[in-house]
Protein backbone atom coordinates (compact mmCIF):
# COMPACT_ATOMS: atom_id res chain seq x y z
CA MET A 1 42.05 -0.51 40.03
CA VAL A 2 40.68 1.85 37.67
CA GLY A 3 43.79 4.92 37.90
CA GLY A 4 46.35 1.92 37.28
CA SER A 5 44.86 0.25 34.51
CA GLY A 6 44.02 3.82 33.02
CA GLY A 7 47.70 5.04 33.59
CA ALA A 8 49.30 1.99 32.15
CA GLY A 9 47.40 2.64 28.57
CA TRP A 10 48.55 6.48 29.36
CA LEU A 11 51.96 5.09 29.48
CA LEU A 12 51.67 3.47 26.45
CA GLU A 13 50.48 6.04 24.39
CA ARG A 14 53.44 8.25 25.69
CA LEU A 15 55.41 5.65 24.34
CA ALA A 16 53.41 4.91 20.85
CA LEU A 17 54.11 8.90 20.17
CA THR A 18 57.30 9.10 21.09
CA HIS A 19 58.56 6.13 19.42
CA ARG A 20 57.06 5.15 15.90
CA LEU A 21 58.02 1.15 15.93
CA ALA A 22 56.04 1.03 19.38
CA LEU A 23 52.34 2.22 17.20
CA PRO A 24 52.08 -1.58 16.60
CA LEU A 25 51.92 -2.24 20.26
CA LEU A 26 49.50 0.44 20.85
CA VAL A 27 47.25 -1.53 18.18
CA ILE A 28 47.14 -4.32 19.88
CA ALA A 29 46.92 -2.94 23.40
CA LEU A 30 43.63 -1.17 22.03
CA ALA A 31 42.27 -4.59 20.34
CA SER A 32 42.59 -6.40 23.82
CA ALA A 33 40.19 -4.00 24.68
CA LEU A 34 37.52 -5.00 22.49
CA ALA A 35 35.67 -8.71 23.89
CA GLY A 36 33.46 -9.15 20.57
CA ARG A 37 35.76 -12.19 19.27
CA SER A 38 35.89 -13.75 22.65
CA LEU A 39 32.26 -13.39 23.50
CA GLU A 40 31.36 -14.61 20.19
CA GLN A 41 33.31 -17.75 20.80
CA ALA A 42 31.71 -18.48 24.27
CA VAL A 43 28.59 -18.21 22.95
CA GLN A 44 29.45 -20.04 19.59
CA ALA A 45 30.53 -23.33 21.87
CA VAL A 46 27.06 -22.99 23.80
CA LEU A 47 25.08 -23.41 20.39
CA ALA A 48 27.22 -25.93 19.26
CA ALA A 49 27.20 -27.95 22.56
CA LEU A 50 23.35 -28.11 22.50
CA PRO A 51 21.97 -31.39 20.56
CA GLU A 52 19.31 -31.41 18.10
CA GLU A 53 15.97 -30.11 18.88
CA ARG A 54 14.58 -33.77 18.57
CA GLU A 55 17.26 -35.12 20.27
CA ALA A 56 17.08 -33.10 23.48
CA GLY A 57 14.68 -35.03 25.23
CA GLY A 58 16.99 -36.30 27.94
CA ALA A 59 18.67 -34.60 30.52
CA ARG A 60 21.82 -35.25 30.55
CA GLY A 61 22.09 -34.22 26.85
CA LEU A 62 21.75 -30.61 27.88
CA ASP A 63 25.07 -31.08 30.43
CA PRO A 64 27.99 -29.92 28.05
CA ALA A 65 25.42 -26.69 26.97
CA ARG A 66 24.58 -26.39 30.11
CA GLN A 67 28.64 -26.34 31.67
CA ARG A 68 30.11 -23.85 28.52
CA LEU A 69 27.01 -21.49 29.31
CA ALA A 70 27.67 -21.29 33.15
CA TRP A 71 31.50 -19.70 32.42
CA ILE A 72 29.87 -16.50 30.98
CA VAL A 73 26.38 -16.01 32.83
CA GLY A 74 25.79 -15.42 36.34
CA ARG A 75 22.47 -17.67 36.37
CA ASP A 76 21.69 -20.48 37.61
CA VAL A 77 22.03 -23.23 34.67
CA ALA A 78 21.70 -26.74 36.10
CA ARG A 79 17.89 -26.99 35.35
CA LEU A 80 17.89 -24.67 32.30
CA ASP A 81 15.95 -26.75 29.45
CA ARG A 82 16.89 -26.21 25.63
CA GLN A 83 15.06 -23.12 25.30
CA GLY A 84 16.09 -21.41 28.57
CA LEU A 85 19.43 -22.27 27.12
CA LEU A 86 18.64 -20.09 24.07
CA ARG A 87 17.78 -17.74 26.38
CA ALA A 88 20.57 -17.22 28.62
CA ALA A 89 22.67 -16.93 25.48
CA ALA A 90 20.63 -14.68 23.80
CA GLU A 91 21.01 -12.37 27.17
CA THR A 92 24.69 -13.14 27.15
CA ALA A 93 25.06 -12.19 23.43
CA SER A 94 23.55 -8.64 23.96
CA GLU A 95 23.78 -7.13 27.46
CA ASN A 96 27.80 -8.80 27.40
CA GLY A 97 27.64 -7.44 23.69
CA VAL A 98 27.46 -3.73 24.67
CA ASP A 99 29.76 -4.00 28.42
CA GLY A 100 32.83 -6.04 26.25
CA LEU A 101 32.57 -4.60 22.73
CA PHE A 102 30.37 -1.28 22.26
CA ALA A 103 31.56 0.55 25.46
CA PRO A 104 34.92 0.19 24.94
CA LEU A 105 34.85 1.45 21.81
CA PHE A 106 32.38 4.54 22.84
CA TRP A 107 35.34 5.42 25.04
CA MET A 108 38.12 4.30 22.54
CA GLN A 109 36.57 6.86 20.22
CA LEU A 110 36.27 9.07 22.44
CA GLY A 111 39.39 9.30 23.67
CA ALA A 112 41.09 9.33 19.60
CA LEU A 113 37.83 12.23 19.18
CA LEU A 114 40.57 14.30 21.94
CA TRP A 115 43.32 13.50 20.09
CA ASP A 116 42.02 14.81 16.81
CA LEU A 117 40.65 18.00 18.42
CA ALA A 118 43.89 18.82 20.57
CA PRO A 119 47.19 17.30 18.87
CA ALA A 120 49.55 19.31 20.79
CA ALA A 121 47.53 18.15 23.54
CA ALA A 122 48.02 14.64 22.81
CA ALA A 123 51.38 14.84 22.19
CA SER A 124 52.02 16.67 25.56
CA GLY A 125 49.98 14.35 27.41
CA LEU A 126 46.13 14.17 27.05
CA VAL A 127 44.52 11.26 27.48
CA GLY A 128 43.62 9.20 24.62
CA PRO A 129 42.08 5.98 23.34
CA LEU A 130 43.78 3.41 25.08
CA THR A 131 44.18 5.54 28.43
CA LEU A 132 40.18 5.47 28.52
CA ALA A 133 39.21 2.16 27.14
CA TRP A 134 41.88 0.56 29.61
CA ALA A 135 40.09 2.75 32.56
CA PHE A 136 36.57 1.57 31.53
CA LYS A 137 37.82 -2.30 31.39
CA ALA A 138 39.13 -2.33 34.71
CA ALA A 139 36.05 -0.65 35.97
CA SER A 140 33.57 -2.75 34.22
CA THR A 141 36.03 -5.95 35.22
CA LEU A 142 35.48 -4.97 39.33
CA ASP A 143 31.83 -4.68 37.97
CA SER A 144 31.76 -8.49 36.87
CA MET A 145 33.19 -9.83 39.63
CA LEU A 146 32.63 -7.84 42.91
CA GLY A 147 29.32 -5.91 41.55
CA TYR A 148 26.70 -8.17 43.60
CA ARG A 149 24.40 -7.05 45.98
CA CYS A 150 25.06 -9.87 48.44
CA GLY A 151 27.10 -10.51 51.42
CA ARG A 152 29.09 -8.83 53.69
CA LEU A 153 30.75 -7.34 50.80
CA GLN A 154 28.64 -5.70 49.23
CA TRP A 155 30.25 -2.39 50.06
CA LEU A 156 33.08 -3.51 47.86
CA GLY A 157 31.47 -4.15 44.95
CA THR A 158 28.74 -1.22 45.22
CA ALA A 159 31.54 1.48 43.93
CA GLY A 160 32.45 -1.01 41.12
CA ALA A 161 29.12 -1.53 39.93
CA ARG A 162 28.14 1.93 40.35
CA LEU A 163 31.30 3.24 38.34
CA ASP A 164 30.33 0.58 35.69
CA ASP A 165 27.03 2.17 35.29
CA LEU A 166 27.54 5.70 34.85
CA LEU A 167 30.39 4.66 31.97
CA VAL A 168 27.93 1.98 30.00
CA TRP A 169 24.90 4.13 29.80
CA VAL A 170 25.49 6.78 27.35
CA PRO A 171 26.97 3.67 24.65
CA CYS A 172 24.30 1.53 25.85
CA ARG A 173 21.48 4.12 24.76
CA LEU A 174 23.74 5.00 21.33
CA VAL A 175 23.38 0.66 21.01
CA ALA A 176 19.66 0.96 21.64
CA PHE A 177 19.13 3.28 18.23
CA SER A 178 22.18 2.13 16.13
CA LEU A 179 21.59 -1.59 16.15
CA PRO A 180 18.27 -1.52 14.24
CA LEU A 181 20.69 0.41 11.72
CA ALA A 182 22.62 -2.67 11.36
CA ALA A 183 19.73 -4.45 11.00
CA GLY A 184 18.58 -2.55 7.65
CA ARG A 185 15.82 -0.56 9.68
CA SER A 186 15.43 2.64 8.39
CA PRO A 187 16.24 5.96 10.63
CA LEU A 188 13.04 6.35 11.79
CA ALA A 189 12.33 2.61 12.52
CA SER A 190 15.58 2.59 14.32
CA TRP A 191 14.58 5.54 16.35
CA GLU A 192 10.80 3.79 17.41
CA LEU A 193 12.63 0.55 18.07
CA GLY A 194 15.08 2.47 20.50
CA LEU A 195 12.38 4.30 21.92
CA ARG A 196 10.67 0.60 22.53
CA ALA A 197 13.88 -0.45 24.52
CA LEU A 198 14.03 2.30 26.43
CA ARG A 199 10.89 1.62 27.64
CA ASP A 200 11.00 -2.04 27.92
CA GLY A 201 14.00 -2.08 29.67
CA ARG A 202 13.70 0.48 32.41
CA PRO A 203 11.91 -1.69 34.91
CA ASP A 204 15.06 -3.88 34.71
CA PRO A 205 16.97 -3.36 38.11
CA SER A 206 19.94 -2.30 36.57
CA PRO A 207 20.41 0.91 34.13
CA ASN A 208 21.83 -0.77 31.21
CA ALA A 209 21.19 -4.76 31.23
CA GLY A 210 17.18 -4.67 30.36
CA VAL A 211 17.78 -1.60 27.73
CA SER A 212 20.92 -3.72 26.03
CA GLN A 213 18.93 -6.94 26.01
CA ALA A 214 15.90 -5.16 24.53
CA ALA A 215 17.83 -3.42 22.23
CA TYR A 216 18.60 -6.95 20.23
CA ALA A 217 15.62 -8.13 21.12
CA HIS A 218 13.74 -5.44 19.13
CA ALA A 219 15.90 -5.78 16.30
CA VAL A 220 15.90 -9.55 16.08
CA GLY A 221 12.59 -9.97 16.95
CA VAL A 222 12.36 -12.54 19.95
CA GLN A 223 11.15 -12.25 23.27
CA LEU A 224 13.72 -11.92 26.11
CA GLY A 225 13.32 -11.68 29.97
CA GLY A 226 11.60 -13.52 32.26
CA LEU A 227 12.28 -15.77 35.38
CA ASN A 228 15.78 -16.70 36.44
CA HIS A 229 17.08 -18.31 39.55
CA TYR A 230 20.67 -16.76 41.27
CA GLY A 231 21.83 -18.65 44.12
CA GLY A 232 18.98 -20.55 44.39
CA ARG A 233 16.86 -17.82 44.57
CA SER A 234 14.41 -16.67 41.73
CA ARG A 235 14.22 -13.69 40.17
CA ALA A 236 11.41 -11.58 37.66
CA LYS A 237 12.90 -10.23 35.12
CA PRO A 238 10.65 -7.81 33.05
CA LEU A 239 9.63 -9.53 29.40
CA LEU A 240 11.02 -7.71 26.39
CA ALA A 241 9.85 -7.16 23.22
CA ALA A 242 6.79 -9.29 25.15
CA GLY A 243 4.54 -11.56 22.55
CA GLN A 244 7.59 -11.80 19.71
CA ALA A 245 8.59 -15.40 19.20
CA GLU A 246 11.17 -17.57 22.03
CA PRO A 247 14.74 -17.19 20.26
CA ASP A 248 16.20 -20.28 18.39
CA VAL A 249 20.03 -21.09 17.72
CA ALA A 250 19.15 -18.46 14.12
CA ALA A 251 18.07 -15.88 16.51
CA VAL A 252 21.51 -15.98 18.59
CA ARG A 253 23.52 -16.44 15.55
CA LEU A 254 22.03 -13.23 14.04
CA MET A 255 22.87 -11.25 17.25
CA LEU A 256 26.24 -12.38 16.56
CA ALA A 257 26.50 -11.00 13.50
CA LEU A 258 24.59 -7.62 14.50
CA SER A 259 27.05 -7.08 16.89
CA ARG A 260 29.79 -7.50 14.04
CA ARG A 261 27.95 -5.57 11.50
CA LEU A 262 27.52 -2.74 14.55
CA GLU A 263 31.23 -2.52 14.88
CA LEU A 264 32.19 -1.20 11.70
CA LEU A 265 29.38 1.01 11.40
CA TRP A 266 30.82 2.56 14.78
CA ILE A 267 34.10 2.32 13.45
CA VAL A 268 33.31 3.80 9.82
CA LEU A 269 30.94 6.57 12.23
CA GLY A 270 34.23 7.33 14.08
CA ALA A 271 36.81 7.09 11.69
CA THR A 272 34.64 10.28 9.32
CA ALA A 273 34.06 12.58 12.81
CA GLY A 274 37.65 12.15 13.44
CA THR A 275 38.44 13.32 9.99
CA ALA A 276 36.05 15.81 9.73
CA VAL A 277 36.99 17.33 12.88
CA VAL A 278 40.78 17.71 11.55
CA TRP A 279 39.58 18.46 8.26
CA PHE A 280 37.62 21.79 10.30
CA ILE A 281 40.51 22.65 12.75
CA THR A 282 42.56 22.85 9.87
CA LYS A 283 40.19 24.98 7.93
CA ALA A 284 39.65 26.76 10.84
CA LEU A 285 43.40 27.82 11.84
CA SER A 286 44.73 28.45 7.98
């Protein structure tokens, strides 16, 4: 699955490099690997379905928000109160912001950098941004659909889950240290908050989920983590940014806004790095 997806991306890259009219198709394919907009729409739909706090006394009033949340999370949502819904929305906005947006963007930019380093090799068949982005998306989708530690087919999901852990490890930590910059923090404060995110996320069973959620929790100033239920079983997650206020609607929307800002920051930095590489190679060869 991963090889086939990456191979399809490679074929489309070959087409775009040999037929310039196919370049718009390559751009569209690259955009398809970034799930930032769909994630924001899904989370905003949950927030829009939440009744006002003063109107949330009836359990039935939360059912529309629970239904929309169930489409994007793996936890049980039937008994979540308003605060539980907001925490779940905040946690999925932060965790999937890394999985669905920044991890594929990282591999996409790495592929573009490979092309910058070896333009001739790119024209002759070196893997590029779409190859790496689509291969990653396949691994991430396998993890989402099959990567569960239960059932007779646990062996089938393990490979995808471990591969996804490996491919997200570096971009997750880059987000931990760069997200505070998007929130307007100084470089020193961003470094300190990144270290706190790594510390808080370490006890989580996932090598990346806890870190990504902790990064957003510290950047926004809310507490995440706690007791969740999956398939009727309770599971205690570590507290992240413990002692901060619980997330509200404004905090969840700020998380989504920070993802947009950080995406722009990564694109600008990636383009700057690519330009610098091309300039250096040109100077070195002249």
